Amino acid sequence: MDETEFWELVDATREAAEGDPEEQADLLVDRLLLLDPELVLDFARHFEARYNRAYTWDLWGAAWVLLGGASDDAFDYFRCWLIGQGREVYEGAVHDPDSLADLIDDFDEEIDGDGEELGYAADEAYEQLTGAVAPDLGIPPAPAEPLGARLDLENEAVLAERFPKLRERFQEE
């Protein structure tokens, strides 16, 4: 599976789920079950590499603004959700997290921002196909700390300066 096929699968399941991340995860498992186990592992490698790439202080700050705070786990689930939004949103956000204000239509804290189940879709499909736990994917591990300059996530002035568009559009005062 190449990168284009990966993103096509993400886009197709997001559109079919009408943006609901839990439904998207279920549809993704269903679609992955139609593939050879090696292709499921390819999908998992693409997902994990993008998940690790999104481990940055700036994206954590954007998640903090959108979610009204973001613990370690909440940021993990946010990165899964971000991948589930597709290539354009993902790449735009990785390049400039404040651009999420322009890249996403609406943000409902009840369903958006938490794609935890998306992170398990490939593992679930692989296990159903083979009866075994997915092997090590053979990709570099995530960094120990988020990449980039550390942000004081609880400092409103820092967040206002770094994420003006996100704060203006999505943060409740």
N, C-alpha and C. Protein backbone atom coordinates (compact mmCIF):
# COMPACT_ATOMS: atom_id res chain seq x y z
N MET A 1 0.85 -1.17 0.00
CA MET A 1 0.00 0.00 0.00
C MET A 1 0.90 1.23 0.00
N ASP A 2 0.66 2.11 -0.95
CA ASP A 2 1.45 3.33 -0.99
C ASP A 2 0.70 4.45 -0.25
N GLU A 3 1.33 5.62 -0.18
CA GLU A 3 0.77 6.74 0.57
C GLU A 3 -0.57 7.19 0.00
N THR A 4 -0.69 7.21 -1.32
CA THR A 4 -1.96 7.62 -1.95
C THR A 4 -3.08 6.67 -1.57
N GLU A 5 -2.81 5.38 -1.61
CA GLU A 5 -3.83 4.39 -1.23
C GLU A 5 -4.22 4.53 0.24
N PHE A 6 -3.23 4.80 1.08
CA PHE A 6 -3.50 5.03 2.51
C PHE A 6 -4.50 6.17 2.67
N TRP A 7 -4.19 7.32 2.06
CA TRP A 7 -5.07 8.49 2.22
C TRP A 7 -6.43 8.27 1.56
N GLU A 8 -6.48 7.54 0.47
CA GLU A 8 -7.77 7.24 -0.16
C GLU A 8 -8.66 6.43 0.78
N LEU A 9 -8.07 5.50 1.49
CA LEU A 9 -8.81 4.69 2.45
C LEU A 9 -9.30 5.54 3.62
N VAL A 10 -8.44 6.42 4.11
CA VAL A 10 -8.83 7.33 5.19
C VAL A 10 -9.99 8.22 4.72
N ASP A 11 -9.85 8.80 3.53
CA ASP A 11 -10.89 9.71 3.02
C ASP A 11 -12.21 8.99 2.79
N ALA A 12 -12.16 7.82 2.19
CA ALA A 12 -13.39 7.08 1.89
C ALA A 12 -14.15 6.73 3.16
N THR A 13 -13.44 6.32 4.19
CA THR A 13 -14.12 5.94 5.43
C THR A 13 -14.63 7.16 6.19
N ARG A 14 -13.89 8.28 6.13
CA ARG A 14 -14.35 9.51 6.79
C ARG A 14 -15.64 10.00 6.13
N GLU A 15 -15.65 10.01 4.80
CA GLU A 15 -16.83 10.49 4.08
C GLU A 15 -18.02 9.58 4.34
N ALA A 16 -17.81 8.28 4.33
CA ALA A 16 -18.91 7.33 4.59
C ALA A 16 -19.43 7.47 6.02
N ALA A 17 -18.56 7.83 6.94
CA ALA A 17 -18.95 7.98 8.36
C ALA A 17 -19.49 9.37 8.65
N GLU A 18 -19.52 10.21 7.63
CA GLU A 18 -19.98 11.60 7.78
C GLU A 18 -19.26 12.31 8.92
N GLY A 19 -17.94 12.04 9.03
CA GLY A 19 -17.11 12.74 10.00
C GLY A 19 -17.10 12.19 11.41
N ASP A 20 -17.89 11.17 11.70
CA ASP A 20 -17.92 10.59 13.04
C ASP A 20 -16.72 9.66 13.20
N PRO A 21 -15.75 10.01 14.07
CA PRO A 21 -14.52 9.21 14.18
C PRO A 21 -14.74 7.76 14.61
N GLU A 22 -15.71 7.50 15.49
CA GLU A 22 -15.95 6.11 15.92
C GLU A 22 -16.52 5.30 14.76
N GLU A 23 -17.45 5.88 14.03
CA GLU A 23 -18.00 5.19 12.86
C GLU A 23 -16.92 5.00 11.80
N GLN A 24 -16.07 6.01 11.63
CA GLN A 24 -14.97 5.90 10.68
C GLN A 24 -14.06 4.75 11.05
N ALA A 25 -13.76 4.58 12.33
CA ALA A 25 -12.89 3.48 12.77
C ALA A 25 -13.54 2.13 12.44
N ASP A 26 -14.84 2.00 12.69
CA ASP A 26 -15.53 0.76 12.36
C ASP A 26 -15.47 0.47 10.87
N LEU A 27 -15.72 1.49 10.06
CA LEU A 27 -15.67 1.32 8.61
C LEU A 27 -14.25 1.00 8.13
N LEU A 28 -13.28 1.60 8.79
CA LEU A 28 -11.89 1.33 8.43
C LEU A 28 -11.54 -0.13 8.70
N VAL A 29 -11.96 -0.65 9.84
CA VAL A 29 -11.71 -2.06 10.14
C VAL A 29 -12.38 -2.92 9.05
N ASP A 30 -13.62 -2.62 8.72
CA ASP A 30 -14.33 -3.39 7.68
C ASP A 30 -13.57 -3.37 6.36
N ARG A 31 -13.06 -2.20 5.97
CA ARG A 31 -12.33 -2.09 4.70
C ARG A 31 -10.99 -2.82 4.77
N LEU A 32 -10.32 -2.72 5.91
CA LEU A 32 -9.03 -3.40 6.06
C LEU A 32 -9.19 -4.92 6.05
N LEU A 33 -10.33 -5.40 6.53
CA LEU A 33 -10.57 -6.84 6.53
C LEU A 33 -10.67 -7.42 5.12
N LEU A 34 -10.85 -6.56 4.13
CA LEU A 34 -10.92 -7.00 2.74
C LEU A 34 -9.53 -7.14 2.11
N LEU A 35 -8.50 -6.73 2.85
CA LEU A 35 -7.14 -6.72 2.32
C LEU A 35 -6.31 -7.88 2.84
N ASP A 36 -5.22 -8.11 2.17
CA ASP A 36 -4.22 -9.08 2.62
C ASP A 36 -3.60 -8.55 3.92
N PRO A 37 -3.27 -9.43 4.87
CA PRO A 37 -2.67 -8.98 6.13
C PRO A 37 -1.44 -8.09 5.95
N GLU A 38 -0.63 -8.36 4.94
CA GLU A 38 0.56 -7.51 4.71
C GLU A 38 0.16 -6.09 4.34
N LEU A 39 -0.94 -5.93 3.61
CA LEU A 39 -1.41 -4.59 3.27
C LEU A 39 -1.97 -3.88 4.50
N VAL A 40 -2.55 -4.65 5.40
CA VAL A 40 -3.03 -4.07 6.66
C VAL A 40 -1.82 -3.55 7.46
N LEU A 41 -0.73 -4.30 7.46
CA LEU A 41 0.48 -3.83 8.14
C LEU A 41 1.06 -2.59 7.46
N ASP A 42 0.97 -2.54 6.12
CA ASP A 42 1.40 -1.34 5.41
C ASP A 42 0.58 -0.14 5.86
N PHE A 43 -0.74 -0.32 5.95
CA PHE A 43 -1.61 0.75 6.42
C PHE A 43 -1.17 1.19 7.83
N ALA A 44 -0.91 0.21 8.69
CA ALA A 44 -0.50 0.51 10.06
C ALA A 44 0.81 1.30 10.08
N ARG A 45 1.73 0.96 9.20
CA ARG A 45 3.01 1.70 9.14
C ARG A 45 2.77 3.15 8.73
N HIS A 46 1.93 3.35 7.72
CA HIS A 46 1.62 4.72 7.29
C HIS A 46 0.97 5.50 8.44
N PHE A 47 0.03 4.86 9.11
CA PHE A 47 -0.68 5.53 10.20
C PHE A 47 0.29 5.90 11.32
N GLU A 48 1.09 4.93 11.73
CA GLU A 48 2.01 5.14 12.86
C GLU A 48 3.06 6.20 12.53
N ALA A 49 3.55 6.21 11.31
CA ALA A 49 4.55 7.21 10.92
C ALA A 49 3.94 8.62 10.98
N ARG A 50 2.70 8.77 10.57
CA ARG A 50 2.05 10.08 10.62
C ARG A 50 1.71 10.46 12.06
N TYR A 51 1.32 9.49 12.83
CA TYR A 51 1.03 9.70 14.25
C TYR A 51 2.29 10.23 14.96
N ASN A 52 3.42 9.61 14.71
CA ASN A 52 4.68 10.03 15.32
C ASN A 52 5.11 11.41 14.82
N ARG A 53 4.90 11.67 13.53
CA ARG A 53 5.28 12.97 12.95
C ARG A 53 4.48 14.11 13.57
N ALA A 54 3.27 13.82 13.99
CA ALA A 54 2.39 14.85 14.56
C ALA A 54 2.66 15.08 16.06
N TYR A 55 3.67 14.43 16.60
CA TYR A 55 4.00 14.60 18.02
C TYR A 55 4.87 15.84 18.18
N THR A 56 4.22 17.01 18.09
CA THR A 56 4.93 18.28 18.18
C THR A 56 4.26 19.16 19.24
N TRP A 57 5.06 20.06 19.79
CA TRP A 57 4.50 21.00 20.76
C TRP A 57 3.45 21.89 20.13
N ASP A 58 3.69 22.33 18.89
CA ASP A 58 2.73 23.22 18.25
C ASP A 58 1.38 22.54 18.02
N LEU A 59 1.40 21.28 17.61
CA LEU A 59 0.12 20.57 17.44
C LEU A 59 -0.55 20.33 18.80
N TRP A 60 0.23 20.09 19.82
CA TRP A 60 -0.35 19.92 21.15
C TRP A 60 -1.02 21.23 21.58
N GLY A 61 -0.37 22.34 21.26
CA GLY A 61 -0.98 23.64 21.56
C GLY A 61 -2.28 23.84 20.82
N ALA A 62 -2.32 23.46 19.55
CA ALA A 62 -3.56 23.58 18.76
C ALA A 62 -4.65 22.69 19.36
N ALA A 63 -4.28 21.47 19.75
CA ALA A 63 -5.25 20.58 20.40
C ALA A 63 -5.75 21.19 21.70
N TRP A 64 -4.86 21.81 22.44
CA TRP A 64 -5.21 22.43 23.72
C TRP A 64 -6.27 23.51 23.50
N VAL A 65 -6.07 24.33 22.47
CA VAL A 65 -7.03 25.40 22.17
C VAL A 65 -8.37 24.80 21.75
N LEU A 66 -8.33 23.85 20.84
CA LEU A 66 -9.57 23.25 20.32
C LEU A 66 -10.36 22.50 21.39
N LEU A 67 -9.64 21.81 22.26
CA LEU A 67 -10.30 20.95 23.25
C LEU A 67 -10.49 21.63 24.60
N GLY A 68 -9.97 22.83 24.74
CA GLY A 68 -10.05 23.49 26.04
C GLY A 68 -9.16 22.81 27.06
N GLY A 69 -7.99 22.36 26.61
CA GLY A 69 -7.05 21.60 27.43
C GLY A 69 -6.86 20.23 26.81
N ALA A 70 -5.66 19.65 26.98
CA ALA A 70 -5.40 18.34 26.38
C ALA A 70 -4.33 17.61 27.17
N SER A 71 -4.72 16.56 27.89
CA SER A 71 -3.78 15.70 28.59
C SER A 71 -2.95 14.92 27.58
N ASP A 72 -1.99 14.15 28.06
CA ASP A 72 -1.19 13.29 27.18
C ASP A 72 -2.10 12.40 26.34
N ASP A 73 -3.03 11.72 27.00
CA ASP A 73 -3.93 10.81 26.29
C ASP A 73 -4.81 11.56 25.30
N ALA A 74 -5.33 12.71 25.71
CA ALA A 74 -6.19 13.49 24.81
C ALA A 74 -5.41 13.91 23.57
N PHE A 75 -4.13 14.25 23.74
CA PHE A 75 -3.32 14.64 22.59
C PHE A 75 -3.04 13.42 21.70
N ASP A 76 -2.84 12.26 22.29
CA ASP A 76 -2.69 11.03 21.50
C ASP A 76 -3.92 10.80 20.62
N TYR A 77 -5.09 10.92 21.21
CA TYR A 77 -6.34 10.67 20.49
C TYR A 77 -6.59 11.77 19.45
N PHE A 78 -6.15 12.99 19.76
CA PHE A 78 -6.28 14.10 18.81
C PHE A 78 -5.45 13.81 17.56
N ARG A 79 -4.24 13.28 17.74
CA ARG A 79 -3.39 12.97 16.58
C ARG A 79 -4.03 11.90 15.71
N CYS A 80 -4.68 10.92 16.32
CA CYS A 80 -5.40 9.91 15.54
C CYS A 80 -6.54 10.58 14.76
N TRP A 81 -7.28 11.44 15.44
CA TRP A 81 -8.38 12.17 14.79
C TRP A 81 -7.85 13.00 13.63
N LEU A 82 -6.72 13.66 13.83
CA LEU A 82 -6.13 14.51 12.80
C LEU A 82 -5.81 13.69 11.55
N ILE A 83 -5.24 12.53 11.71
CA ILE A 83 -4.97 11.65 10.56
C ILE A 83 -6.29 11.29 9.88
N GLY A 84 -7.30 11.02 10.67
CA GLY A 84 -8.61 10.67 10.13
C GLY A 84 -9.27 11.77 9.33
N GLN A 85 -8.77 13.00 9.47
CA GLN A 85 -9.34 14.13 8.71
C GLN A 85 -8.84 14.18 7.27
N GLY A 86 -7.86 13.35 6.96
CA GLY A 86 -7.36 13.29 5.58
C GLY A 86 -6.07 14.05 5.38
N ARG A 87 -5.51 13.83 4.21
CA ARG A 87 -4.18 14.35 3.89
C ARG A 87 -4.09 15.88 3.94
N GLU A 88 -5.05 16.57 3.33
CA GLU A 88 -4.98 18.04 3.27
C GLU A 88 -4.99 18.65 4.67
N VAL A 89 -5.92 18.21 5.50
CA VAL A 89 -6.00 18.74 6.86
C VAL A 89 -4.76 18.34 7.66
N TYR A 90 -4.38 17.07 7.58
CA TYR A 90 -3.22 16.59 8.32
C TYR A 90 -1.96 17.37 7.94
N GLU A 91 -1.64 17.40 6.64
CA GLU A 91 -0.42 18.07 6.20
C GLU A 91 -0.44 19.55 6.53
N GLY A 92 -1.59 20.19 6.34
CA GLY A 92 -1.71 21.61 6.66
C GLY A 92 -1.46 21.86 8.13
N ALA A 93 -2.03 21.01 8.98
CA ALA A 93 -1.88 21.18 10.44
C ALA A 93 -0.45 20.90 10.89
N VAL A 94 0.20 19.91 10.31
CA VAL A 94 1.58 19.62 10.68
C VAL A 94 2.48 20.78 10.28
N HIS A 95 2.21 21.35 9.12
CA HIS A 95 3.01 22.49 8.64
C HIS A 95 2.74 23.75 9.45
N ASP A 96 1.45 24.02 9.75
CA ASP A 96 1.05 25.23 10.48
C ASP A 96 -0.20 24.91 11.30
N PRO A 97 -0.03 24.50 12.55
CA PRO A 97 -1.18 24.10 13.36
C PRO A 97 -2.29 25.14 13.45
N ASP A 98 -1.95 26.42 13.42
CA ASP A 98 -2.99 27.46 13.49
C ASP A 98 -3.88 27.44 12.25
N SER A 99 -3.38 26.84 11.16
CA SER A 99 -4.17 26.77 9.93
C SER A 99 -5.38 25.84 10.08
N LEU A 100 -5.44 25.07 11.16
CA LEU A 100 -6.64 24.25 11.40
C LEU A 100 -7.89 25.11 11.44
N ALA A 101 -7.74 26.38 11.81
CA ALA A 101 -8.89 27.30 11.82
C ALA A 101 -9.49 27.43 10.42
N ASP A 102 -8.66 27.32 9.40
CA ASP A 102 -9.12 27.41 8.01
C ASP A 102 -9.43 26.05 7.40
N LEU A 103 -8.83 24.99 7.94
CA LEU A 103 -8.90 23.67 7.32
C LEU A 103 -10.10 22.83 7.77
N ILE A 104 -10.64 23.10 8.95
CA ILE A 104 -11.78 22.31 9.41
C ILE A 104 -13.02 23.20 9.42
N ASP A 105 -14.13 22.59 9.03
CA ASP A 105 -15.38 23.35 8.93
C ASP A 105 -15.91 23.69 10.32
N ASP A 106 -16.22 22.68 11.06
CA ASP A 106 -16.77 22.85 12.40
C ASP A 106 -15.97 21.97 13.34
N PHE A 107 -16.10 22.24 14.61
CA PHE A 107 -15.43 21.41 15.60
C PHE A 107 -16.38 21.24 16.77
N ASP A 108 -16.90 20.03 16.91
CA ASP A 108 -17.82 19.71 17.99
C ASP A 108 -17.04 18.87 19.00
N GLU A 109 -16.79 19.44 20.18
CA GLU A 109 -15.99 18.74 21.19
C GLU A 109 -16.58 17.41 21.61
N GLU A 110 -17.86 17.20 21.35
CA GLU A 110 -18.50 15.93 21.71
C GLU A 110 -18.02 14.79 20.82
N ILE A 111 -17.73 15.07 19.55
CA ILE A 111 -17.30 13.99 18.65
C ILE A 111 -15.96 14.24 17.98
N ASP A 112 -15.58 15.50 17.81
CA ASP A 112 -14.34 15.81 17.10
C ASP A 112 -13.15 15.84 18.07
N GLY A 113 -11.98 15.62 17.51
CA GLY A 113 -10.77 15.72 18.29
C GLY A 113 -10.36 14.46 19.02
N ASP A 114 -11.21 13.44 18.99
CA ASP A 114 -10.91 12.18 19.68
C ASP A 114 -11.06 11.03 18.70
N GLY A 115 -9.94 10.60 18.14
CA GLY A 115 -9.94 9.49 17.20
C GLY A 115 -9.27 8.26 17.76
N GLU A 116 -9.43 8.03 19.06
CA GLU A 116 -8.75 6.91 19.70
C GLU A 116 -8.96 5.60 18.94
N GLU A 117 -10.19 5.32 18.57
CA GLU A 117 -10.49 4.05 17.90
C GLU A 117 -9.80 3.93 16.54
N LEU A 118 -9.56 5.05 15.87
CA LEU A 118 -8.84 5.02 14.59
C LEU A 118 -7.44 4.45 14.78
N GLY A 119 -6.85 4.74 15.93
CA GLY A 119 -5.51 4.26 16.21
C GLY A 119 -5.41 2.75 16.38
N TYR A 120 -6.54 2.10 16.62
CA TYR A 120 -6.56 0.65 16.83
C TYR A 120 -7.08 -0.13 15.62
N ALA A 121 -7.56 0.57 14.60
CA ALA A 121 -8.25 -0.10 13.48
C ALA A 121 -7.37 -1.13 12.79
N ALA A 122 -6.13 -0.78 12.47
CA ALA A 122 -5.27 -1.72 11.75
C ALA A 122 -4.94 -2.93 12.62
N ASP A 123 -4.67 -2.70 13.91
CA ASP A 123 -4.38 -3.81 14.81
C ASP A 123 -5.56 -4.76 14.91
N GLU A 124 -6.76 -4.18 15.04
CA GLU A 124 -7.97 -5.00 15.14
C GLU A 124 -8.18 -5.82 13.87
N ALA A 125 -8.02 -5.18 12.71
CA ALA A 125 -8.21 -5.91 11.45
C ALA A 125 -7.17 -7.01 11.29
N TYR A 126 -5.93 -6.71 11.61
CA TYR A 126 -4.87 -7.72 11.47
C TYR A 126 -5.16 -8.92 12.36
N GLU A 127 -5.56 -8.65 13.58
CA GLU A 127 -5.85 -9.75 14.51
C GLU A 127 -7.02 -10.59 14.03
N GLN A 128 -8.06 -9.94 13.50
CA GLN A 128 -9.20 -10.69 12.98
C GLN A 128 -8.80 -11.53 11.76
N LEU A 129 -7.92 -10.99 10.93
CA LEU A 129 -7.50 -11.72 9.72
C LEU A 129 -6.58 -12.89 10.02
N THR A 130 -5.72 -12.73 11.01
CA THR A 130 -4.67 -13.73 11.22
C THR A 130 -4.79 -14.51 12.53
N GLY A 131 -5.56 -13.97 13.47
CA GLY A 131 -5.64 -14.59 14.78
C GLY A 131 -4.42 -14.29 15.64
N ALA A 132 -3.56 -13.41 15.15
CA ALA A 132 -2.33 -13.07 15.87
C ALA A 132 -2.26 -11.56 16.08
N VAL A 133 -1.49 -11.17 17.07
CA VAL A 133 -1.23 -9.75 17.31
C VAL A 133 -0.28 -9.26 16.22
N ALA A 134 -0.48 -8.04 15.76
CA ALA A 134 0.38 -7.47 14.72
C ALA A 134 1.83 -7.44 15.20
N PRO A 135 2.76 -7.80 14.32
CA PRO A 135 4.18 -7.76 14.69
C PRO A 135 4.68 -6.32 14.75
N ASP A 136 5.91 -6.17 15.23
CA ASP A 136 6.55 -4.87 15.22
C ASP A 136 6.56 -4.34 13.79
N LEU A 137 6.23 -3.07 13.63
CA LEU A 137 6.09 -2.50 12.29
C LEU A 137 7.43 -2.13 11.66
N GLY A 138 8.50 -2.12 12.44
CA GLY A 138 9.81 -1.85 11.89
C GLY A 138 10.02 -0.39 11.49
N ILE A 139 9.31 0.51 12.16
CA ILE A 139 9.52 1.93 11.89
C ILE A 139 10.14 2.57 13.13
N PRO A 140 10.79 3.72 12.95
CA PRO A 140 11.40 4.36 14.12
C PRO A 140 10.35 4.68 15.18
N PRO A 141 10.73 4.56 16.44
CA PRO A 141 9.77 4.86 17.51
C PRO A 141 9.48 6.36 17.59
N ALA A 142 8.40 6.69 18.27
CA ALA A 142 8.06 8.09 18.50
C ALA A 142 9.16 8.73 19.34
N PRO A 143 9.36 10.03 19.17
CA PRO A 143 10.34 10.69 20.04
C PRO A 143 9.86 10.67 21.49
N ALA A 144 10.80 10.75 22.40
CA ALA A 144 10.45 10.72 23.83
C ALA A 144 9.68 11.96 24.25
N GLU A 145 9.98 13.08 23.63
CA GLU A 145 9.33 14.36 23.92
C GLU A 145 8.78 14.92 22.61
N PRO A 146 7.73 15.72 22.68
CA PRO A 146 7.24 16.34 21.44
C PRO A 146 8.35 17.14 20.75
N LEU A 147 8.29 17.17 19.43
CA LEU A 147 9.27 17.90 18.64
C LEU A 147 8.97 19.39 18.68
N GLY A 148 10.01 20.20 18.48
CA GLY A 148 9.85 21.64 18.43
C GLY A 148 10.09 22.30 19.76
N ALA A 149 9.87 23.61 19.76
CA ALA A 149 10.09 24.40 20.97
C ALA A 149 8.95 24.16 21.95
N ARG A 150 9.31 23.88 23.20
CA ARG A 150 8.32 23.60 24.24
C ARG A 150 7.39 24.80 24.41
N LEU A 151 6.10 24.51 24.53
CA LEU A 151 5.10 25.55 24.78
C LEU A 151 4.57 25.40 26.20
N ASP A 152 4.33 26.53 26.84
CA ASP A 152 3.64 26.51 28.13
C ASP A 152 2.15 26.50 27.81
N LEU A 153 1.57 25.32 27.80
CA LEU A 153 0.19 25.14 27.36
C LEU A 153 -0.83 25.82 28.26
N GLU A 154 -0.45 26.12 29.47
CA GLU A 154 -1.38 26.76 30.39
C GLU A 154 -1.25 28.28 30.41
N ASN A 155 -0.37 28.81 29.57
CA ASN A 155 -0.16 30.26 29.49
C ASN A 155 -1.02 30.82 28.37
N GLU A 156 -2.09 31.50 28.73
CA GLU A 156 -3.04 32.03 27.75
C GLU A 156 -2.39 33.01 26.78
N ALA A 157 -1.45 33.81 27.26
CA ALA A 157 -0.79 34.78 26.38
C ALA A 157 0.03 34.06 25.30
N VAL A 158 0.71 32.99 25.68
CA VAL A 158 1.50 32.21 24.73
C VAL A 158 0.57 31.59 23.68
N LEU A 159 -0.54 31.01 24.13
CA LEU A 159 -1.49 30.39 23.19
C LEU A 159 -2.12 31.43 22.28
N ALA A 160 -2.44 32.60 22.82
CA ALA A 160 -3.04 33.66 22.01
C ALA A 160 -2.09 34.13 20.92
N GLU A 161 -0.81 34.21 21.26
CA GLU A 161 0.19 34.64 20.28
C GLU A 161 0.43 33.58 19.22
N ARG A 162 0.52 32.33 19.64
CA ARG A 162 0.87 31.24 18.71
C ARG A 162 -0.32 30.78 17.86
N PHE A 163 -1.54 30.87 18.38
CA PHE A 163 -2.72 30.33 17.69
C PHE A 163 -3.83 31.36 17.59
N PRO A 164 -3.57 32.51 16.99
CA PRO A 164 -4.60 33.56 16.96
C PRO A 164 -5.86 33.15 16.20
N LYS A 165 -5.71 32.48 15.08
CA LYS A 165 -6.89 32.10 14.28
C LYS A 165 -7.72 31.03 14.99
N LEU A 166 -7.05 30.04 15.55
CA LEU A 166 -7.78 28.99 16.27
C LEU A 166 -8.53 29.56 17.47
N ARG A 167 -7.86 30.42 18.21
CA ARG A 167 -8.49 31.01 19.40
C ARG A 167 -9.69 31.86 19.00
N GLU A 168 -9.53 32.66 17.97
CA GLU A 168 -10.62 33.52 17.55
C GLU A 168 -11.83 32.70 17.08
N ARG A 169 -11.56 31.62 16.37
CA ARG A 169 -12.67 30.85 15.79
C ARG A 169 -13.29 29.83 16.74
N PHE A 170 -12.48 29.20 17.59
CA PHE A 170 -12.99 28.05 18.33
C PHE A 170 -12.97 28.17 19.86
N GLN A 171 -12.21 29.08 20.41
CA GLN A 171 -12.10 29.08 21.86
C GLN A 171 -13.20 29.94 22.49
N GLU A 172 -13.87 29.33 23.44
CA GLU A 172 -14.89 30.06 24.20
C GLU A 172 -14.17 30.94 25.21
N GLU A 173 -14.66 32.12 25.35
CA GLU A 173 -14.05 33.05 26.33
C GLU A 173 -14.70 32.90 27.67
